[in-house]
N, C-alpha and C. Protein backbone atom coordinates (compact mmCIF):
# COMPACT_ATOMS: atom_id res chain seq x y z
N MET A 1 8.89 0.26 7.00
CA MET A 1 10.49 0.12 6.64
C MET A 1 10.20 -0.96 5.66
N ALA A 2 10.82 -0.26 4.56
CA ALA A 2 11.02 -1.29 3.13
C ALA A 2 12.31 -1.96 3.75
N LYS A 3 11.90 -3.74 3.95
CA LYS A 3 13.39 -4.79 3.68
C LYS A 3 14.10 -4.24 2.76
N LYS A 4 15.48 -4.44 3.04
CA LYS A 4 16.68 -3.74 1.69
C LYS A 4 17.54 -5.20 1.79
N SER A 5 17.32 -5.84 0.44
CA SER A 5 17.79 -6.93 -0.03
C SER A 5 19.40 -7.47 0.37
N ALA A 6 19.40 -8.34 0.21
CA ALA A 6 20.85 -8.91 0.47
C ALA A 6 21.87 -8.08 -0.30
N ARG A 7 21.97 -7.62 -1.62
CA ARG A 7 22.30 -7.61 -2.42
C ARG A 7 22.91 -5.51 -1.94
N GLU A 8 21.99 -4.97 -1.35
CA GLU A 8 21.58 -4.02 -1.31
C GLU A 8 22.76 -3.60 0.85
N VAL A 9 22.52 -4.20 0.79
CA VAL A 9 23.19 -5.07 2.71
C VAL A 9 25.05 -5.03 1.99
N ASN A 10 24.79 -6.02 1.32
CA ASN A 10 26.55 -6.85 1.26
C ASN A 10 26.86 -5.85 0.21
N ARG A 11 28.19 -5.04 -0.16
CA ARG A 11 28.95 -5.22 -0.75
C ARG A 11 29.77 -6.74 -1.61
N PRO A 12 29.72 -6.44 -2.89
CA PRO A 12 30.46 -7.69 -3.34
C PRO A 12 31.78 -7.70 -2.96
N GLY A 13 32.21 -8.49 -2.63
CA GLY A 13 33.43 -8.42 -2.20
C GLY A 13 34.25 -8.55 -0.25
N GLN A 14 32.87 -7.91 -0.01
CA GLN A 14 32.63 -7.57 1.39
C GLN A 14 33.87 -8.56 2.24
N PHE A 15 33.50 -9.71 2.16
CA PHE A 15 34.05 -10.65 3.10
C PHE A 15 34.96 -11.53 2.77
N ALA A 16 35.34 -11.12 1.19
CA ALA A 16 36.71 -12.15 1.17
C ALA A 16 37.73 -11.77 2.37
N TYR A 17 38.24 -10.98 2.26
CA TYR A 17 39.38 -10.60 3.54
C TYR A 17 40.65 -11.44 2.72
N GLU A 18 40.98 -10.31 1.48
CA GLU A 18 42.02 -10.85 0.37
C GLU A 18 43.57 -10.33 1.51
N GLY A 19 43.64 -9.80 2.57
CA GLY A 19 44.40 -9.61 3.32
C GLY A 19 44.98 -10.86 3.90
N LEU A 20 44.07 -12.22 4.45
CA LEU A 20 44.68 -12.97 4.99
C LEU A 20 45.32 -14.21 4.22
N ASP A 21 46.53 -13.75 5.01
CA ASP A 21 48.10 -14.47 4.56
C ASP A 21 47.62 -16.02 5.51
N ARG A 22 47.79 -17.12 4.66
CA ARG A 22 47.72 -18.52 5.12
C ARG A 22 49.23 -18.99 5.68
N VAL A 23 50.39 -17.77 5.34
CA VAL A 23 51.51 -17.88 6.20
C VAL A 23 51.50 -17.86 7.38
N MET A 24 50.74 -17.21 7.78
CA MET A 24 49.94 -16.59 9.17
C MET A 24 48.91 -17.60 10.14
N HIS A 25 48.12 -17.32 8.82
CA HIS A 25 46.81 -18.56 9.24
C HIS A 25 46.35 -19.76 9.84
N GLU A 26 47.79 -20.01 9.57
CA GLU A 26 47.84 -21.51 10.11
C GLU A 26 47.64 -21.87 11.92
N LYS A 27 47.02 -22.51 12.00
CA LYS A 27 46.87 -22.19 13.76
C LYS A 27 48.54 -23.18 14.23
N ALA A 28 49.15 -23.62 13.93
CA ALA A 28 50.58 -23.73 14.85
C ALA A 28 51.30 -21.91 14.33
N ARG A 29 52.03 -21.99 13.30
CA ARG A 29 51.99 -20.77 12.61
C ARG A 29 51.35 -19.56 13.58
N LEU A 30 50.05 -19.58 13.63
CA LEU A 30 49.72 -18.18 14.36
C LEU A 30 50.30 -18.41 15.88
N GLY A 31 50.48 -19.89 16.12
CA GLY A 31 50.37 -19.86 17.74
C GLY A 31 52.39 -19.60 17.71
N ILE A 32 52.99 -20.09 17.20
CA ILE A 32 54.49 -19.67 17.02
C ILE A 32 54.76 -17.55 16.79
N LEU A 33 53.64 -17.31 16.31
CA LEU A 33 54.35 -15.58 15.94
C LEU A 33 53.72 -15.09 17.32
N THR A 34 52.22 -15.54 18.05
CA THR A 34 51.87 -14.81 18.70
C THR A 34 52.98 -15.24 19.97
N SER A 35 53.39 -16.21 19.83
CA SER A 35 54.34 -16.05 21.31
C SER A 35 56.06 -15.17 21.21
N LEU A 36 56.04 -15.14 20.05
CA LEU A 36 57.52 -14.23 19.46
C LEU A 36 57.11 -13.10 19.88
N VAL A 37 55.81 -12.84 18.88
CA VAL A 37 55.77 -11.26 19.42
C VAL A 37 55.83 -10.49 20.60
N THR A 38 55.32 -11.86 21.57
CA THR A 38 55.17 -11.59 22.95
C THR A 38 56.51 -10.82 23.83
N HIS A 39 57.77 -12.16 23.31
CA HIS A 39 59.02 -12.30 23.91
C HIS A 39 60.00 -11.73 22.55
N SER A 40 60.25 -10.58 22.96
CA SER A 40 61.10 -9.98 22.04
C SER A 40 62.15 -10.30 21.98
N GLU A 41 62.80 -10.67 23.11
CA GLU A 41 64.01 -11.22 23.17
C GLU A 41 64.09 -12.55 22.39
N GLY A 42 62.95 -13.40 22.21
CA GLY A 42 63.15 -14.39 21.30
C GLY A 42 62.53 -15.51 22.61
N LEU A 43 62.84 -16.88 22.31
CA LEU A 43 62.16 -18.01 22.50
C LEU A 43 63.39 -19.12 22.54
N LEU A 44 63.68 -19.91 23.47
CA LEU A 44 64.57 -20.95 22.87
C LEU A 44 63.59 -22.02 22.40
N PHE A 45 63.69 -23.08 21.39
CA PHE A 45 62.99 -23.69 20.38
C PHE A 45 62.55 -24.93 22.09
N ASN A 46 62.99 -25.19 22.80
CA ASN A 46 62.33 -25.93 23.67
C ASN A 46 60.81 -25.37 24.35
N ASP A 47 60.95 -23.97 25.08
CA ASP A 47 60.88 -23.04 24.99
C ASP A 47 59.80 -22.84 24.19
N LEU A 48 59.31 -22.71 23.02
CA LEU A 48 58.86 -22.28 21.96
C LEU A 48 57.76 -23.55 22.02
N LYS A 49 58.38 -24.91 21.54
CA LYS A 49 57.92 -26.22 21.59
C LYS A 49 56.73 -25.93 22.52
N GLU A 50 56.94 -26.10 23.99
CA GLU A 50 55.86 -26.16 24.69
C GLU A 50 54.86 -25.66 24.66
N LEU A 51 55.22 -23.85 24.70
CA LEU A 51 53.89 -23.29 24.54
C LEU A 51 53.28 -23.02 23.20
N CYS A 52 53.82 -23.71 22.23
CA CYS A 52 52.90 -24.21 21.11
C CYS A 52 52.05 -25.44 21.18
N SER A 53 52.96 -26.06 22.41
CA SER A 53 51.97 -27.78 21.74
C SER A 53 52.42 -28.57 20.58
N LEU A 54 53.59 -27.69 20.25
CA LEU A 54 54.36 -28.72 19.29
C LEU A 54 55.22 -29.95 19.25
N THR A 55 55.78 -31.16 18.35
CA THR A 55 56.45 -31.91 18.48
C THR A 55 57.63 -30.93 17.78
N ASP A 56 59.18 -31.23 17.93
CA ASP A 56 59.98 -31.20 17.31
C ASP A 56 59.85 -30.81 16.02
N GLY A 57 59.55 -31.87 15.18
CA GLY A 57 59.19 -32.48 13.87
C GLY A 57 58.29 -31.06 13.46
N ASN A 58 57.15 -30.55 13.87
CA ASN A 58 56.27 -29.77 13.68
C ASN A 58 56.84 -28.90 13.78
N LEU A 59 57.07 -28.32 14.69
CA LEU A 59 58.37 -26.89 15.15
C LEU A 59 59.15 -26.44 14.25
N ASN A 60 60.03 -27.44 13.71
CA ASN A 60 60.96 -26.91 12.92
C ASN A 60 60.49 -26.70 11.47
N ARG A 61 59.15 -27.69 10.51
CA ARG A 61 58.66 -27.44 10.06
C ARG A 61 58.30 -26.38 9.79
N HIS A 62 56.95 -25.45 10.35
CA HIS A 62 56.58 -24.29 10.71
C HIS A 62 57.33 -22.93 10.68
N LEU A 63 58.69 -23.80 11.94
CA LEU A 63 59.60 -22.95 11.56
C LEU A 63 59.98 -22.13 10.47
N LYS A 64 60.74 -23.34 9.71
CA LYS A 64 61.11 -23.03 7.93
C LYS A 64 60.36 -22.61 7.29
N THR A 65 58.52 -22.38 7.01
CA THR A 65 58.02 -21.75 6.39
C THR A 65 57.58 -20.27 6.56
N LEU A 66 58.23 -20.42 8.60
CA LEU A 66 57.99 -18.72 8.52
C LEU A 66 59.26 -18.32 8.16
N GLN A 67 60.17 -18.51 8.62
CA GLN A 67 62.10 -18.62 8.18
C GLN A 67 61.89 -18.15 6.74
N GLU A 68 61.34 -18.58 5.59
CA GLU A 68 61.01 -18.02 3.93
C GLU A 68 60.88 -16.91 3.73
N ALA A 69 59.15 -16.80 4.93
CA ALA A 69 58.36 -15.84 4.68
C ALA A 69 59.42 -14.72 5.13
N GLY A 70 60.49 -14.61 5.62
CA GLY A 70 60.85 -13.64 6.50
C GLY A 70 60.65 -12.74 7.57
N MET A 71 59.78 -14.34 8.45
CA MET A 71 58.97 -13.82 9.33
C MET A 71 60.01 -13.73 10.70
N VAL A 72 60.40 -15.19 10.45
CA VAL A 72 61.38 -15.14 12.17
C VAL A 72 62.57 -15.84 11.96
N GLU A 73 63.74 -15.60 12.91
CA GLU A 73 64.80 -15.93 12.64
C GLU A 73 65.26 -16.96 13.59
N VAL A 74 65.69 -17.67 12.91
CA VAL A 74 66.29 -18.75 13.95
C VAL A 74 68.12 -19.24 14.23
N SER A 75 68.30 -18.58 15.36
CA SER A 75 69.87 -18.83 15.40
C SER A 75 70.18 -20.13 16.15
N LYS A 76 71.56 -20.38 16.47
CA LYS A 76 72.50 -20.94 17.04
C LYS A 76 73.17 -20.76 17.91
N ARG A 77 73.50 -21.07 18.99
CA ARG A 77 74.02 -20.75 20.26
C ARG A 77 74.56 -21.47 21.48
N PHE A 78 75.63 -21.67 22.11
CA PHE A 78 75.76 -22.70 23.06
C PHE A 78 75.79 -21.50 24.45
N LYS A 79 75.23 -22.15 25.22
CA LYS A 79 75.41 -21.70 26.86
C LYS A 79 76.22 -23.51 27.79
N ASP A 80 77.32 -22.60 28.50
CA ASP A 80 77.76 -23.63 28.70
C ASP A 80 77.55 -25.56 28.15
N ASN A 81 78.58 -25.02 27.50
CA ASN A 81 79.07 -25.94 26.24
C ASN A 81 77.44 -27.06 25.60
N TYR A 82 76.18 -26.33 25.93
CA TYR A 82 75.72 -26.49 25.61
C TYR A 82 74.16 -25.56 24.15
N PRO A 83 74.25 -26.56 23.44
CA PRO A 83 73.65 -25.99 21.97
C PRO A 83 72.00 -25.44 22.11
N GLN A 84 71.41 -24.06 22.21
CA GLN A 84 70.69 -23.57 22.35
C GLN A 84 70.25 -23.21 20.29
N THR A 85 69.37 -23.42 20.22
CA THR A 85 68.33 -22.77 19.10
C THR A 85 67.87 -21.52 19.41
N LEU A 86 67.61 -20.44 19.20
CA LEU A 86 66.65 -19.13 19.44
C LEU A 86 66.31 -18.40 18.44
N CYS A 87 64.56 -18.58 19.11
CA CYS A 87 63.65 -18.68 17.72
C CYS A 87 63.11 -16.47 18.25
N ARG A 88 63.28 -16.51 17.21
CA ARG A 88 62.70 -14.37 17.35
C ARG A 88 62.29 -14.11 15.67
N ILE A 89 60.99 -13.14 15.98
CA ILE A 89 60.09 -12.45 15.44
C ILE A 89 61.22 -11.17 14.66
N THR A 90 61.20 -11.22 13.09
CA THR A 90 61.99 -10.44 12.59
C THR A 90 61.36 -9.15 12.91
N LEU A 91 61.58 -7.98 12.09
CA LEU A 91 60.83 -6.92 12.24
C LEU A 91 60.07 -6.88 11.26
N ARG A 92 60.22 -6.99 10.34
CA ARG A 92 59.58 -7.45 9.08
C ARG A 92 58.21 -8.33 9.55
N GLY A 93 59.03 -9.31 9.61
CA GLY A 93 57.74 -10.30 10.74
C GLY A 93 56.80 -10.00 11.96
N ARG A 94 57.11 -8.71 12.51
CA ARG A 94 56.63 -8.52 13.48
C ARG A 94 55.56 -7.22 12.77
N LYS A 95 56.02 -6.25 12.13
CA LYS A 95 55.37 -5.59 11.28
C LYS A 95 53.87 -6.46 9.95
N ARG A 96 54.66 -7.69 9.82
CA ARG A 96 52.93 -7.49 9.02
C ARG A 96 52.34 -8.32 9.59
N PHE A 97 52.53 -9.44 10.96
CA PHE A 97 52.01 -10.12 12.02
C PHE A 97 51.03 -8.61 12.78
N LEU A 98 51.45 -7.81 12.71
CA LEU A 98 50.54 -6.87 13.75
C LEU A 98 49.46 -6.12 12.37
N GLU A 99 49.65 -6.70 11.04
CA GLU A 99 48.74 -5.62 10.10
C GLU A 99 48.11 -6.58 10.24
N TYR A 100 48.24 -8.16 10.47
CA TYR A 100 47.17 -9.01 10.14
C TYR A 100 46.34 -9.05 11.39
N LEU A 101 46.70 -8.56 12.60
CA LEU A 101 45.90 -8.92 13.41
C LEU A 101 45.06 -7.84 13.89
N ASP A 102 45.30 -6.46 12.84
CA ASP A 102 44.26 -5.13 12.21
C ASP A 102 43.47 -6.01 11.96
N LEU A 103 43.66 -6.68 10.39
CA LEU A 103 42.86 -7.52 9.56
C LEU A 103 41.21 -8.37 10.54
N LEU A 104 42.22 -9.16 10.81
CA LEU A 104 41.53 -9.90 12.13
C LEU A 104 40.66 -9.56 12.71
N GLU A 105 41.22 -8.57 13.90
CA GLU A 105 40.33 -7.54 14.53
C GLU A 105 38.83 -6.83 13.43
N GLU A 106 39.06 -6.68 11.85
CA GLU A 106 38.00 -6.32 10.77
C GLU A 106 36.60 -7.50 10.67
N VAL A 107 37.77 -8.71 10.72
CA VAL A 107 36.93 -9.75 10.51
C VAL A 107 35.80 -9.94 12.18
N VAL A 108 36.19 -10.00 12.80
CA VAL A 108 35.43 -10.00 13.96
C VAL A 108 34.44 -8.86 14.38
N ALA A 109 35.09 -8.14 14.11
CA ALA A 109 33.80 -6.58 14.24
C ALA A 109 32.74 -6.69 13.37
N ALA A 110 33.00 -7.26 11.69
CA ALA A 110 31.79 -7.44 11.08
C ALA A 110 31.05 -8.56 11.60
N ALA A 111 31.70 -9.58 11.93
CA ALA A 111 31.11 -10.68 12.35
C ALA A 111 29.70 -10.04 13.51
N LYS A 112 30.28 -9.54 14.56
CA LYS A 112 29.51 -8.95 15.66
C LYS A 112 28.55 -8.29 14.86
N ALA A 113 28.92 -7.15 14.05
CA ALA A 113 28.35 -6.39 13.58
C ALA A 113 26.68 -6.84 12.95
N ARG A 114 26.75 -7.95 12.11
CA ARG A 114 25.94 -8.96 11.50
C ARG A 114 25.25 -9.62 12.19
N GLU A 115 25.77 -9.99 13.52
CA GLU A 115 25.05 -10.52 13.59
C GLU A 115 24.07 -9.11 15.10
N GLY A 116 24.58 -8.68 15.26
CA GLY A 116 24.01 -7.68 16.03
C GLY A 116 22.85 -7.10 15.05
N GLN A 117 23.01 -6.99 14.19
CA GLN A 117 21.97 -6.80 12.89
C GLN A 117 20.85 -7.94 12.37
N GLU A 118 21.50 -9.22 12.69
CA GLU A 118 20.03 -10.24 12.93
C GLU A 118 19.57 -11.10 14.00
N GLU A 119 20.11 -10.15 14.98
CA GLU A 119 19.30 -10.25 16.62
C GLU A 119 18.36 -8.72 16.36
N THR A 120 18.81 -7.58 16.09
CA THR A 120 17.94 -7.05 15.83
C THR A 120 16.73 -7.34 15.09
N SER A 121 17.20 -7.51 13.86
CA SER A 121 16.03 -7.95 12.56
C SER A 121 14.72 -9.15 13.69
N LEU A 122 15.89 -10.13 14.13
CA LEU A 122 14.25 -11.48 14.76
C LEU A 122 13.83 -10.93 15.66
N LEU A 123 14.12 -9.55 16.83
CA LEU A 123 13.29 -9.18 17.72
C LEU A 123 12.82 -7.78 17.31
N ARG A 124 12.46 -7.91 15.92
CA ARG A 124 11.91 -6.42 15.71
C ARG A 124 10.65 -7.09 15.41
N SER A 125 11.27 -8.55 14.14
CA SER A 125 9.64 -9.93 13.62
C SER A 125 9.16 -9.84 15.10
N LYS A 126 9.62 -10.91 15.81
CA LYS A 126 9.17 -10.79 17.46
C LYS A 126 8.22 -9.87 18.26
N VAL A 127 8.45 -8.44 17.56
CA VAL A 127 7.80 -7.58 18.52
C VAL A 127 6.27 -7.30 17.50
N VAL A 128 6.76 -7.41 16.34
CA VAL A 128 5.42 -7.34 15.16
C VAL A 128 4.65 -8.37 15.28
N LYS A 129 5.31 -9.63 15.19
CA LYS A 129 4.34 -10.51 15.90
C LYS A 129 3.06 -10.32 17.18
N LEU A 130 3.80 -10.26 17.82
CA LEU A 130 3.41 -9.82 19.72
C LEU A 130 2.19 -8.95 19.19
N ALA A 131 2.56 -7.70 18.41
CA ALA A 131 1.80 -6.63 18.32
C ALA A 131 0.40 -6.77 17.90
N ASP A 132 0.64 -7.96 16.94
CA ASP A 132 -0.69 -8.61 16.06
C ASP A 132 -1.78 -8.91 16.75
């Protein structure tokens, strides 16, 4: 069996993943969006801060980036005369995030498939050496 060249196995741009969005791909923002998508009613600022292990300043900065991208909304309200900040993912944000997760699943599947091909190739070469 003739071995395929890298050019025959790989398509140009196969692993470019143009759909990866830097707004969502940053670790803290990925955590924020995951937290918010799993809490459709939203989360209070302090609860979100705790879930994502962020400081007030870091959470504020990342929420601002996500707000500017139209992915989250932040609203102020009062409960028992105490101010509360509620953070929620927008419909647009939910849609974009779920599409992003689909793309990440493609990345994982491609990596696993490639790993499986390499393991199979290694096993074949070992079997051939043992047979010799």
